[in-house]
C-alpha atoms as a PDB file:
ATOM      1  CA  MET A   1    -223.583 -93.194  -6.830  1.00  0.00           C
ATOM      2  CA  GLU A   2    -222.787 -94.302 -10.359  1.00  0.00           C
ATOM      3  CA  LYS A   3    -219.083 -94.634 -11.074  1.00  0.00           C
ATOM      4  CA  PRO A   4    -217.947 -92.185 -13.806  1.00  0.00           C
ATOM      5  CA  LEU A   5    -216.625 -93.470 -17.081  1.00  0.00           C
ATOM      6  CA  SER A   6    -212.886 -93.916 -17.260  1.00  0.00           C
ATOM      7  CA  ILE A   7    -210.942 -91.380 -19.302  1.00  0.00           C
ATOM      8  CA  ALA A   8    -209.984 -94.161 -21.709  1.00  0.00           C
ATOM      9  CA  ALA A   9    -213.674 -94.987 -22.215  1.00  0.00           C
ATOM     10  CA  ILE A  10    -214.494 -91.320 -22.835  1.00  0.00           C
ATOM     11  CA  LYS A  11    -211.686 -91.071 -25.398  1.00  0.00           C
ATOM     12  CA  ALA A  12    -213.064 -94.125 -27.185  1.00  0.00           C
ATOM     13  CA  ILE A  13    -216.532 -92.555 -27.311  1.00  0.00           C
ATOM     14  CA  LEU A  14    -215.142 -89.225 -28.557  1.00  0.00           C
ATOM     15  CA  ASN A  15    -213.412 -91.027 -31.403  1.00  0.00           C
ATOM     16  CA  GLU A  16    -216.855 -92.034 -32.673  1.00  0.00           C
ATOM     17  CA  ILE A  17    -218.497 -88.592 -32.335  1.00  0.00           C
ATOM     18  CA  ASN A  18    -218.433 -86.415 -35.452  1.00  0.00           C
ATOM     19  CA  GLN A  19    -221.184 -83.931 -34.576  1.00  0.00           C
ATOM     20  CA  PRO A  20    -220.526 -80.923 -32.283  1.00  0.00           C
ATOM     21  CA  LEU A  21    -224.110 -80.966 -30.970  1.00  0.00           C
ATOM     22  CA  ASP A  22    -223.981 -84.561 -29.764  1.00  0.00           C
ATOM     23  CA  GLU A  23    -225.559 -84.517 -26.291  1.00  0.00           C
ATOM     24  CA  ARG A  24    -222.726 -86.604 -24.844  1.00  0.00           C
ATOM     25  CA  ILE A  25    -220.334 -83.693 -25.396  1.00  0.00           C
ATOM     26  CA  SER A  26    -222.378 -81.520 -23.007  1.00  0.00           C
ATOM     27  CA  ILE A  27    -222.235 -84.272 -20.407  1.00  0.00           C
ATOM     28  CA  PHE A  28    -218.473 -84.732 -20.782  1.00  0.00           C
ATOM     29  CA  ARG A  29    -217.919 -80.980 -20.395  1.00  0.00           C
ATOM     30  CA  LEU A  30    -219.311 -81.236 -16.858  1.00  0.00           C
ATOM     31  CA  ASP A  31    -216.533 -83.656 -15.933  1.00  0.00           C
ATOM     32  CA  GLN A  32    -213.844 -81.758 -13.987  1.00  0.00           C
ATOM     33  CA  ARG A  33    -211.029 -84.241 -14.581  1.00  0.00           C
ATOM     34  CA  LYS A  34    -208.061 -82.814 -16.471  1.00  0.00           C
ATOM     35  CA  GLY A  35    -207.794 -85.911 -18.641  1.00  0.00           C
ATOM     36  CA  VAL A  36    -211.352 -85.383 -19.868  1.00  0.00           C
ATOM     37  CA  SER A  37    -210.628 -81.722 -20.616  1.00  0.00           C
ATOM     38  CA  VAL A  38    -207.564 -82.697 -22.649  1.00  0.00           C
ATOM     39  CA  ALA A  39    -209.556 -85.372 -24.491  1.00  0.00           C
ATOM     40  CA  LEU A  40    -212.294 -82.856 -25.357  1.00  0.00           C
ATOM     41  CA  LYS A  41    -209.741 -80.374 -26.652  1.00  0.00           C
ATOM     42  CA  SER A  42    -208.179 -83.064 -28.837  1.00  0.00           C
ATOM     43  CA  TRP A  43    -211.633 -84.056 -30.091  1.00  0.00           C
ATOM     44  CA  GLY A  44    -212.396 -80.432 -30.961  1.00  0.00           C
ATOM     45  CA  LYS A  45    -209.206 -80.124 -33.009  1.00  0.00           C
ATOM     46  CA  ARG A  46    -209.966 -83.359 -34.835  1.00  0.00           C
ATOM     47  CA  LEU A  47    -213.486 -82.176 -35.615  1.00  0.00           C
ATOM     48  CA  GLU A  48    -212.207 -78.837 -36.941  1.00  0.00           C
ATOM     49  CA  LYS A  49    -209.726 -80.626 -39.203  1.00  0.00           C
ATOM     50  CA  GLN A  50    -212.602 -82.769 -40.447  1.00  0.00           C
ATOM     51  CA  ARG A  51    -214.728 -79.682 -41.141  1.00  0.00           C
ATOM     52  CA  GLU A  52    -211.823 -78.016 -42.951  1.00  0.00           C
ATOM     53  CA  LYS A  53    -211.412 -81.073 -45.189  1.00  0.00           C
ATOM     54  CA  GLU A  54    -215.150 -80.991 -45.938  1.00  0.00           C
ATOM     55  CA  ARG A  55    -214.954 -77.283 -46.817  1.00  0.00           C
ATOM     56  CA  LYS A  56    -211.927 -77.955 -49.015  1.00  0.00           C
ATOM     57  CA  LEU A  57    -213.764 -80.772 -50.793  1.00  0.00           C
ATOM     58  CA  LYS A  58    -216.718 -78.491 -51.511  1.00  0.00           C
ATOM     59  CA  VAL A  59    -214.463 -75.761 -52.930  1.00  0.00           C
ATOM     60  CA  MET A  60    -212.485 -78.225 -55.051  1.00  0.00           C
ATOM     61  CA  LEU A  61    -215.686 -79.555 -56.616  1.00  0.00           C
ATOM     62  CA  GLU A  62    -216.939 -76.131 -57.748  1.00  0.00           C
ATOM     63  CA  ASN A  63    -215.527 -76.451 -61.276  1.00  0.00           C
ATOM     64  CA  GLU A  64    -216.915 -79.955 -61.679  1.00  0.00           C
ATOM     65  CA  GLU A  65    -220.314 -78.922 -60.286  1.00  0.00           C
ATOM     66  CA  LEU A  66    -220.662 -76.163 -62.905  1.00  0.00           C
ATOM     67  CA  ILE A  67    -219.913 -78.609 -65.709  1.00  0.00           C
ATOM     68  CA  TRP A  68    -222.175 -81.316 -64.303  1.00  0.00           C
ATOM     69  CA  ALA A  69    -224.955 -78.714 -64.085  1.00  0.00           C
ATOM     70  CA  ASN A  70    -224.675 -78.281 -67.865  1.00  0.00           C
ATOM     71  CA  GLY A  71    -225.502 -81.930 -68.405  1.00  0.00           C
ATOM     72  CA  LEU A  72    -222.001 -83.348 -68.861  1.00  0.00           C
ATOM     73  CA  SER A  73    -220.991 -86.364 -66.768  1.00  0.00           C
ATOM     74  CA  TRP A  74    -217.593 -87.536 -68.011  1.00  0.00           C
ATOM     75  CA  ILE A  75    -215.145 -84.887 -66.777  1.00  0.00           C
ATOM     76  CA  ALA A  76    -211.480 -85.854 -66.886  1.00  0.00           C
ATOM     77  CA  GLY A  77    -209.023 -84.093 -64.626  1.00  0.00           C
ATOM     78  CA  ILE A  78    -205.516 -84.148 -66.092  1.00  0.00           C
ATOM     79  CA  ASP A  79    -202.140 -83.500 -64.491  1.00  0.00           C
ATOM     80  CA  GLU A  80    -198.511 -84.500 -64.897  1.00  0.00           C
ATOM     81  CA  VAL A  81    -195.505 -85.256 -62.750  1.00  0.00           C
ATOM     82  CA  GLY A  82    -191.860 -85.221 -63.738  1.00  0.00           C
ATOM     83  CA  ARG A  83    -191.161 -82.119 -65.795  1.00  0.00           C
ATOM     84  CA  GLY A  84    -188.223 -81.035 -63.635  1.00  0.00           C
ATOM     85  CA  PRO A  85    -186.154 -84.182 -62.947  1.00  0.00           C
ATOM     86  CA  LEU A  86    -182.866 -84.928 -64.668  1.00  0.00           C
ATOM     87  CA  ALA A  87    -183.820 -88.563 -65.173  1.00  0.00           C
ATOM     88  CA  GLY A  88    -186.841 -90.721 -65.841  1.00  0.00           C
ATOM     89  CA  PRO A  89    -190.084 -90.151 -67.746  1.00  0.00           C
ATOM     90  CA  VAL A  90    -192.750 -87.511 -67.535  1.00  0.00           C
ATOM     91  CA  VAL A  91    -195.986 -89.191 -66.417  1.00  0.00           C
ATOM     92  CA  ALA A  92    -199.506 -87.847 -66.919  1.00  0.00           C
ATOM     93  CA  ALA A  93    -202.788 -89.122 -65.539  1.00  0.00           C
ATOM     94  CA  ALA A  94    -206.401 -88.526 -66.528  1.00  0.00           C
ATOM     95  CA  VAL A  95    -209.050 -89.297 -63.910  1.00  0.00           C
ATOM     96  CA  ILE A  96    -212.843 -89.238 -64.186  1.00  0.00           C
ATOM     97  CA  LEU A  97    -214.572 -89.089 -60.805  1.00  0.00           C
ATOM     98  CA  PRO A  98    -218.212 -89.932 -60.049  1.00  0.00           C
ATOM     99  CA  LYS A  99    -220.560 -87.162 -58.921  1.00  0.00           C
ATOM    100  CA  ASP A 100    -220.901 -88.702 -55.464  1.00  0.00           C
ATOM    101  CA  PHE A 101    -217.145 -88.908 -54.816  1.00  0.00           C
ATOM    102  CA  GLN A 102    -216.658 -87.855 -51.192  1.00  0.00           C
ATOM    103  CA  ILE A 103    -213.144 -88.963 -50.219  1.00  0.00           C
ATOM    104  CA  LEU A 104    -211.637 -86.312 -47.939  1.00  0.00           C
ATOM    105  CA  GLY A 105    -208.012 -85.221 -47.946  1.00  0.00           C
ATOM    106  CA  ILE A 106    -207.369 -85.145 -51.690  1.00  0.00           C
ATOM    107  CA  ASN A 107    -205.083 -82.247 -52.561  1.00  0.00           C
ATOM    108  CA  ASP A 108    -202.142 -81.341 -54.754  1.00  0.00           C
ATOM    109  CA  SER A 109    -199.922 -84.436 -54.535  1.00  0.00           C
ATOM    110  CA  LYS A 110    -196.915 -82.295 -53.584  1.00  0.00           C
ATOM    111  CA  GLN A 111    -198.712 -81.294 -50.373  1.00  0.00           C
ATOM    112  CA  LEU A 112    -199.210 -84.889 -49.227  1.00  0.00           C
ATOM    113  CA  SER A 113    -196.902 -87.406 -47.592  1.00  0.00           C
ATOM    114  CA  SER A 114    -195.975 -90.483 -49.611  1.00  0.00           C
ATOM    115  CA  GLU A 115    -198.040 -92.634 -47.231  1.00  0.00           C
ATOM    116  CA  LYS A 116    -201.113 -90.424 -47.694  1.00  0.00           C
ATOM    117  CA  ARG A 117    -200.675 -90.421 -51.470  1.00  0.00           C
ATOM    118  CA  GLU A 118    -200.575 -94.224 -51.489  1.00  0.00           C
ATOM    119  CA  GLN A 119    -203.756 -94.398 -49.387  1.00  0.00           C
ATOM    120  CA  LEU A 120    -205.598 -91.948 -51.626  1.00  0.00           C
ATOM    121  CA  PHE A 121    -204.287 -93.661 -54.762  1.00  0.00           C
ATOM    122  CA  ILE A 122    -206.024 -96.866 -53.657  1.00  0.00           C
ATOM    123  CA  GLU A 123    -209.279 -94.983 -52.949  1.00  0.00           C
ATOM    124  CA  ILE A 124    -209.146 -93.205 -56.308  1.00  0.00           C
ATOM    125  CA  GLN A 125    -208.567 -96.509 -58.104  1.00  0.00           C
ATOM    126  CA  LYS A 126    -211.490 -98.021 -56.224  1.00  0.00           C
ATOM    127  CA  HIS A 127    -214.019 -95.274 -56.958  1.00  0.00           C
ATOM    128  CA  ALA A 128    -212.972 -93.520 -60.191  1.00  0.00           C
ATOM    129  CA  LEU A 129    -215.085 -94.051 -63.300  1.00  0.00           C
ATOM    130  CA  GLY A 130    -211.944 -94.078 -65.388  1.00  0.00           C
ATOM    131  CA  ILE A 131    -208.166 -93.708 -65.085  1.00  0.00           C
ATOM    132  CA  GLY A 132    -205.708 -93.269 -67.938  1.00  0.00           C
ATOM    133  CA  ILE A 133    -201.911 -93.067 -67.746  1.00  0.00           C
ATOM    134  CA  GLY A 134    -199.506 -91.541 -70.261  1.00  0.00           C
ATOM    135  CA  VAL A 135    -195.724 -91.996 -70.091  1.00  0.00           C
ATOM    136  CA  LYS A 136    -193.064 -90.334 -72.247  1.00  0.00           C
ATOM    137  CA  ASP A 137    -189.502 -91.405 -71.622  1.00  0.00           C
ATOM    138  CA  GLN A 138    -186.216 -89.533 -71.699  1.00  0.00           C
ATOM    139  CA  ASP A 139    -185.672 -90.184 -75.411  1.00  0.00           C
ATOM    140  CA  ILE A 140    -188.915 -88.451 -76.358  1.00  0.00           C
ATOM    141  CA  ILE A 141    -188.189 -85.637 -73.888  1.00  0.00           C
ATOM    142  CA  ASP A 142    -184.787 -85.089 -75.491  1.00  0.00           C
ATOM    143  CA  ASP A 143    -186.279 -85.289 -78.978  1.00  0.00           C
ATOM    144  CA  VAL A 144    -189.232 -82.879 -78.675  1.00  0.00           C
ATOM    145  CA  ASN A 145    -188.471 -81.001 -75.372  1.00  0.00           C
ATOM    146  CA  ILE A 146    -190.128 -81.461 -71.993  1.00  0.00           C
ATOM    147  CA  TYR A 147    -193.081 -79.150 -72.684  1.00  0.00           C
ATOM    148  CA  GLN A 148    -194.129 -81.013 -75.823  1.00  0.00           C
ATOM    149  CA  ALA A 149    -193.441 -84.378 -74.176  1.00  0.00           C
ATOM    150  CA  THR A 150    -195.784 -83.363 -71.357  1.00  0.00           C
ATOM    151  CA  LYS A 151    -198.543 -82.626 -73.864  1.00  0.00           C
ATOM    152  CA  LEU A 152    -197.970 -85.989 -75.534  1.00  0.00           C
ATOM    153  CA  ALA A 153    -198.159 -87.770 -72.165  1.00  0.00           C
ATOM    154  CA  MET A 154    -201.439 -85.999 -71.358  1.00  0.00           C
ATOM    155  CA  LEU A 155    -202.939 -86.916 -74.731  1.00  0.00           C
ATOM    156  CA  GLU A 156    -201.863 -90.524 -74.198  1.00  0.00           C
ATOM    157  CA  ALA A 157    -203.491 -90.534 -70.753  1.00  0.00           C
ATOM    158  CA  ILE A 158    -206.769 -89.385 -72.327  1.00  0.00           C
ATOM    159  CA  GLN A 159    -206.511 -92.127 -74.969  1.00  0.00           C
ATOM    160  CA  HIS A 160    -206.037 -94.721 -72.237  1.00  0.00           C
ATOM    161  CA  LEU A 161    -209.287 -93.809 -70.474  1.00  0.00           C
ATOM    162  CA  PRO A 162    -211.977 -96.508 -70.786  1.00  0.00           C
ATOM    163  CA  GLN A 163    -214.371 -93.912 -72.256  1.00  0.00           C
ATOM    164  CA  VAL A 164    -213.972 -90.638 -74.152  1.00  0.00           C
ATOM    165  CA  PRO A 165    -214.431 -87.721 -71.725  1.00  0.00           C
ATOM    166  CA  GLU A 166    -216.931 -84.973 -72.488  1.00  0.00           C
ATOM    167  CA  TYR A 167    -214.830 -82.251 -70.881  1.00  0.00           C
ATOM    168  CA  LEU A 168    -211.239 -81.790 -69.731  1.00  0.00           C
ATOM    169  CA  LEU A 169    -209.958 -79.913 -66.695  1.00  0.00           C
ATOM    170  CA  ILE A 170    -206.206 -79.540 -67.179  1.00  0.00           C
ATOM    171  CA  ASP A 171    -203.527 -78.226 -64.870  1.00  0.00           C
ATOM    172  CA  ALA A 172    -201.979 -75.159 -66.559  1.00  0.00           C
ATOM    173  CA  MET A 173    -201.965 -76.586 -70.071  1.00  0.00           C
ATOM    174  CA  ARG A 174    -204.036 -76.553 -73.259  1.00  0.00           C
ATOM    175  CA  LEU A 175    -204.110 -79.627 -75.470  1.00  0.00           C
ATOM    176  CA  PRO A 176    -204.625 -80.054 -79.220  1.00  0.00           C
ATOM    177  CA  THR A 177    -207.842 -82.073 -78.985  1.00  0.00           C
ATOM    178  CA  PRO A 178    -211.448 -81.400 -80.061  1.00  0.00           C
ATOM    179  CA  ILE A 179    -212.683 -82.266 -76.569  1.00  0.00           C
ATOM    180  CA  PRO A 180    -213.884 -79.100 -74.762  1.00  0.00           C
ATOM    181  CA  GLN A 181    -211.355 -78.109 -72.131  1.00  0.00           C
ATOM    182  CA  GLU A 182    -210.405 -75.625 -69.461  1.00  0.00           C
ATOM    183  CA  SER A 183    -206.894 -74.869 -68.260  1.00  0.00           C
ATOM    184  CA  LEU A 184    -206.633 -74.050 -64.550  1.00  0.00           C
ATOM    185  CA  ILE A 185    -203.520 -72.440 -63.114  1.00  0.00           C
ATOM    186  CA  LYS A 186    -202.597 -74.402 -59.978  1.00  0.00           C
ATOM    187  CA  GLY A 187    -205.460 -76.671 -60.917  1.00  0.00           C
ATOM    188  CA  ASP A 188    -204.339 -79.416 -58.534  1.00  0.00           C
ATOM    189  CA  SER A 189    -205.397 -77.157 -55.649  1.00  0.00           C
ATOM    190  CA  LYS A 190    -208.632 -75.969 -57.322  1.00  0.00           C
ATOM    191  CA  SER A 191    -210.163 -79.068 -58.897  1.00  0.00           C
ATOM    192  CA  LEU A 192    -210.745 -82.435 -57.248  1.00  0.00           C
ATOM    193  CA  SER A 193    -210.399 -84.241 -60.572  1.00  0.00           C
ATOM    194  CA  ILE A 194    -207.037 -82.610 -61.308  1.00  0.00           C
ATOM    195  CA  ALA A 195    -205.842 -83.260 -57.747  1.00  0.00           C
ATOM    196  CA  ALA A 196    -206.802 -86.927 -58.124  1.00  0.00           C
ATOM    197  CA  ALA A 197    -204.871 -87.068 -61.410  1.00  0.00           C
ATOM    198  CA  SER A 198    -201.898 -85.446 -59.678  1.00  0.00           C
ATOM    199  CA  ILE A 199    -201.887 -88.189 -57.042  1.00  0.00           C
ATOM    200  CA  VAL A 200    -202.219 -90.990 -59.600  1.00  0.00           C
ATOM    201  CA  ALA A 201    -199.413 -89.562 -61.738  1.00  0.00           C
ATOM    202  CA  LYS A 202    -197.135 -88.997 -58.740  1.00  0.00           C
ATOM    203  CA  VAL A 203    -197.594 -92.472 -57.247  1.00  0.00           C
ATOM    204  CA  THR A 204    -197.203 -94.107 -60.663  1.00  0.00           C
ATOM    205  CA  ARG A 205    -193.976 -92.253 -61.419  1.00  0.00           C
ATOM    206  CA  ASP A 206    -192.524 -92.717 -57.925  1.00  0.00           C
ATOM    207  CA  ARG A 207    -193.037 -96.473 -58.209  1.00  0.00           C
ATOM    208  CA  MET A 208    -191.271 -96.456 -61.565  1.00  0.00           C
ATOM    209  CA  MET A 209    -188.331 -94.555 -60.090  1.00  0.00           C
ATOM    210  CA  VAL A 210    -188.016 -97.095 -57.263  1.00  0.00           C
ATOM    211  CA  GLU A 211    -187.614 -99.786 -59.917  1.00  0.00           C
ATOM    212  CA  TYR A 212    -185.084 -97.669 -61.795  1.00  0.00           C
ATOM    213  CA  ASP A 213    -183.145 -97.264 -58.552  1.00  0.00           C
ATOM    214  CA  ARG A 214    -182.703-101.045 -58.468  1.00  0.00           C
ATOM    215  CA  LEU A 215    -181.549-101.077 -62.086  1.00  0.00           C
ATOM    216  CA  TYR A 216    -179.280 -98.052 -61.794  1.00  0.00           C
ATOM    217  CA  PRO A 217    -178.052 -97.697 -58.191  1.00  0.00           C
ATOM    218  CA  GLY A 218    -175.918 -94.825 -57.012  1.00  0.00           C
ATOM    219  CA  TYR A 219    -178.128 -91.887 -57.953  1.00  0.00           C
ATOM    220  CA  GLY A 220    -180.757 -92.169 -55.208  1.00  0.00           C
ATOM    221  CA  PHE A 221    -183.666 -92.446 -57.637  1.00  0.00           C
ATOM    222  CA  ALA A 222    -185.898 -94.100 -55.005  1.00  0.00           C
ATOM    223  CA  GLN A 223    -185.497 -91.071 -52.765  1.00  0.00           C
ATOM    224  CA  ASN A 224    -185.197 -88.161 -55.207  1.00  0.00           C
ATOM    225  CA  SER A 225    -187.358 -89.438 -58.095  1.00  0.00           C
ATOM    226  CA  GLY A 226    -184.714 -88.224 -60.520  1.00  0.00           C
ATOM    227  CA  TYR A 227    -184.532 -84.639 -59.292  1.00  0.00           C
ATOM    228  CA  GLY A 228    -181.121 -82.990 -59.044  1.00  0.00           C
ATOM    229  CA  THR A 229    -180.331 -83.568 -55.384  1.00  0.00           C
ATOM    230  CA  LYS A 230    -176.794 -83.592 -53.992  1.00  0.00           C
ATOM    231  CA  LEU A 231    -176.786 -87.406 -54.006  1.00  0.00           C
ATOM    232  CA  HIS A 232    -177.973 -87.506 -57.600  1.00  0.00           C
ATOM    233  CA  LEU A 233    -175.396 -84.956 -58.789  1.00  0.00           C
ATOM    234  CA  ALA A 234    -172.676 -86.808 -56.895  1.00  0.00           C
ATOM    235  CA  GLY A 235    -173.746 -90.009 -58.651  1.00  0.00           C
ATOM    236  CA  LEU A 236    -173.563 -88.273 -62.007  1.00  0.00           C
ATOM    237  CA  GLU A 237    -170.042 -87.108 -61.261  1.00  0.00           C
ATOM    238  CA  LYS A 238    -168.877 -90.473 -59.943  1.00  0.00           C
ATOM    239  CA  ILE A 239    -170.740 -92.959 -62.167  1.00  0.00           C
ATOM    240  CA  GLY A 240    -171.649 -90.885 -65.177  1.00  0.00           C
ATOM    241  CA  VAL A 241    -174.863 -90.885 -67.166  1.00  0.00           C
ATOM    242  CA  CYS A 242    -177.244 -93.869 -67.065  1.00  0.00           C
ATOM    243  CA  PRO A 243    -179.802 -94.884 -69.738  1.00  0.00           C
ATOM    244  CA  ILE A 244    -182.716 -92.944 -68.198  1.00  0.00           C
ATOM    245  CA  HIS A 245    -180.943 -89.581 -67.906  1.00  0.00           C
ATOM    246  CA  ARG A 246    -182.242 -86.692 -70.003  1.00  0.00           C
ATOM    247  CA  HIS A 247    -179.353 -85.571 -72.205  1.00  0.00           C
ATOM    248  CA  SER A 248    -181.020 -82.240 -72.980  1.00  0.00           C
ATOM    249  CA  PHE A 249    -180.988 -81.159 -69.315  1.00  0.00           C
ATOM    250  CA  ALA A 250    -177.993 -78.994 -68.385  1.00  0.00           C
ATOM    251  CA  PRO A 251    -176.359 -81.034 -65.560  1.00  0.00           C
ATOM    252  CA  VAL A 252    -176.576 -84.221 -67.627  1.00  0.00           C
ATOM    253  CA  ARG A 253    -175.349 -82.485 -70.773  1.00  0.00           C
ATOM    254  CA  GLN A 254    -172.419 -81.050 -68.809  1.00  0.00           C
ATOM    255  CA  THR A 255    -171.514 -84.518 -67.523  1.00  0.00           C
ATOM    256  CA  LEU A 256    -171.585 -85.865 -71.073  1.00  0.00           C
ATOM    257  CA  ASN A 257    -169.392 -83.013 -72.305  1.00  0.00           C
ATOM    258  CA  ASN A 258    -166.883 -83.617 -69.514  1.00  0.00           C
ATOM    259  CA  SER A 259    -166.614 -87.285 -70.440  1.00  0.00           C
ATOM    260  CA  PHE A 260    -165.102 -86.489 -73.832  1.00  0.00           C
END
């Protein structure tokens, strides 16, 4: 009588199976060992997560597919990060993806862990047809207001693309440019190109804030990215305002007023 495969061996095989109709699954289901049953259940959950990511990818490419069908190839997804913080720049990214882009797991950057964002950032850099970054610092934000600074950052990101896009998909914003465009509310959860731009902008800005944390310790910039957390507000009260704070934002303005 042939000795059955060990549970460890079955788990290793299941890790390589991505099709529910694989004949080995039917064979494993005949195995009465509890460990095999648990392994099959875990495999089923993994497969369902995989299918859900594939469904999500298909849905998030619907806007791009419609535009590609009209003969346009260079579609730039555009998003920004950093409108709400009390310190640091607003950063925008423009990303042009190829038609065969099939990386699973891309979503609104706020829904992803920092580790996952870093992984996807590398994949986007590797496969994107073009990436442009726009950065507007606290001085510009204070001068023109955060809304206008965001527009300027997005326009700069477009200018920094290696080629002029034929169409823009923008997260909840319209831009003063002759390039045809569409504004999508919550676009980072509806368009793969916008979601990719969201990830690029978020990772880029977070890395900048880590560097600022080294330059201006005491506010927790590496952890809070400049948002008004308890640590950040405590730093404002104790240390005062640093060079990257936005003077036009209420908590910073109040700190400045209290210093006189």
